[in-house]
Amino acid sequence: MNRRERAAELEYLETRILQQRLDMGHALHDWRDATAPIDHGWQRLMQWRAPLLGGLGLLTALGVRRPRSTRAWMRRGLSTFLLANRARALYRLMRR
């Protein structure tokens, strides 16, 4: 292999590496766009982490003292949450 062939091969490899870097950049951009809703949801969850942990701790303490009434409150809360979620979904459906 002479110098010209090596220089040509080196040039070819450098352009190939550059193209791969550009492709990876575009793939990273697409990946970030695809995972943006999940990341946004995670950030919202982490925003409410301390109050959620405090509330769950309080609920656990109440559950130890009065299991029946705590169970009833949890059932009501879950029912209210599910009802609100269904109402929101219905509202979004009607808005379209």
Protein backbone atom coordinates (compact mmCIF):
# COMPACT_ATOMS: atom_id res chain seq x y z
CA MET A 1 0.00 0.00 0.00
CA ASN A 2 1.51 3.31 -0.97
CA ARG A 3 1.00 6.73 0.58
CA ARG A 4 -1.79 7.80 -1.77
CA GLU A 5 -3.84 4.71 -1.04
CA ARG A 6 -3.36 5.14 2.70
CA ALA A 7 -4.27 8.82 2.52
CA ALA A 8 -7.38 7.99 0.50
CA GLU A 9 -8.37 5.27 2.98
CA LEU A 10 -7.73 7.63 5.89
CA GLU A 11 -9.89 10.30 4.27
CA TYR A 12 -12.64 7.74 3.65
CA LEU A 13 -12.53 6.56 7.27
CA GLU A 14 -12.57 10.11 8.62
CA THR A 15 -15.62 11.03 6.55
CA ARG A 16 -17.33 7.81 7.64
CA ILE A 17 -16.64 8.58 11.32
CA LEU A 18 -17.93 12.12 10.85
CA GLN A 19 -21.12 10.79 9.24
CA GLN A 20 -21.60 8.34 12.11
CA ARG A 21 -21.23 11.16 14.62
CA LEU A 22 -23.85 13.18 12.76
CA ASP A 23 -26.19 10.18 12.68
CA MET A 24 -25.72 9.65 16.41
CA GLY A 25 -26.51 13.31 17.05
CA HIS A 26 -29.75 13.03 15.11
CA ALA A 27 -30.63 9.76 16.87
CA LEU A 28 -30.01 11.42 20.25
CA HIS A 29 -32.29 14.29 19.28
CA ASP A 30 -35.01 11.84 18.22
CA TRP A 31 -34.53 9.89 21.47
CA ARG A 32 -34.95 13.02 23.57
CA ASP A 33 -38.09 13.97 21.66
CA ALA A 34 -39.53 10.48 22.16
CA THR A 35 -38.78 10.34 25.90
CA ALA A 36 -39.73 13.95 26.70
CA PRO A 37 -43.22 13.08 28.07
CA ILE A 38 -41.76 10.43 30.36
CA ASP A 39 -39.07 12.81 31.58
CA HIS A 40 -41.67 15.51 32.17
CA GLY A 41 -43.81 13.09 34.20
CA TRP A 42 -40.81 12.01 36.25
CA GLN A 43 -39.92 15.63 37.01
CA ARG A 44 -43.49 16.31 38.14
CA LEU A 45 -43.39 13.24 40.37
CA MET A 46 -40.09 14.32 41.91
CA GLN A 47 -41.54 17.78 42.48
CA TRP A 48 -44.20 16.23 44.73
CA ARG A 49 -41.89 13.66 46.33
CA ALA A 50 -41.62 15.21 49.80
CA PRO A 51 -45.37 15.84 50.27
CA LEU A 52 -46.17 12.36 48.97
CA LEU A 53 -43.72 10.74 51.35
CA GLY A 54 -45.10 12.78 54.25
CA GLY A 55 -48.67 11.89 53.36
CA LEU A 56 -47.85 8.21 53.02
CA GLY A 57 -46.08 8.26 56.37
CA LEU A 58 -49.10 9.87 58.00
CA LEU A 59 -51.41 7.38 56.32
CA THR A 60 -49.25 4.51 57.58
CA ALA A 61 -49.31 5.86 61.13
CA LEU A 62 -53.09 6.19 60.98
CA GLY A 63 -53.38 2.73 59.47
CA VAL A 64 -51.56 1.22 62.41
CA ARG A 65 -53.80 2.97 64.93
CA ARG A 66 -57.17 2.57 63.16
CA PRO A 67 -57.01 0.13 60.27
CA ARG A 68 -60.74 0.06 59.44
CA SER A 69 -61.30 3.80 59.23
CA THR A 70 -58.04 4.26 57.33
CA ARG A 71 -59.12 1.59 54.85
CA ALA A 72 -62.44 3.38 54.38
CA TRP A 73 -60.71 6.73 53.81
CA MET A 74 -58.34 5.13 51.32
CA ARG A 75 -61.26 3.55 49.46
CA ARG A 76 -63.04 6.91 49.28
CA GLY A 77 -59.89 8.67 48.14
CA LEU A 78 -59.20 6.09 45.45
CA SER A 79 -62.81 6.26 44.25
CA THR A 80 -62.64 10.06 44.09
CA PHE A 81 -59.35 9.93 42.19
CA LEU A 82 -60.67 7.41 39.68
CA LEU A 83 -63.89 9.39 39.21
CA ALA A 84 -61.93 12.59 38.59
CA ASN A 85 -59.66 10.77 36.14
CA ARG A 86 -62.65 9.42 34.20
CA ALA A 87 -64.29 12.84 34.18
CA ARG A 88 -61.12 14.41 32.81
CA ALA A 89 -60.86 11.75 30.10
CA LEU A 90 -64.51 12.27 29.18
CA TYR A 91 -64.01 16.04 29.03
CA ARG A 92 -61.02 15.60 26.70
CA LEU A 93 -63.06 13.27 24.51
CA MET A 94 -65.95 15.74 24.32
CA ARG A 95 -63.63 18.63 23.50
CA ARG A 96 -62.36 16.98 20.32
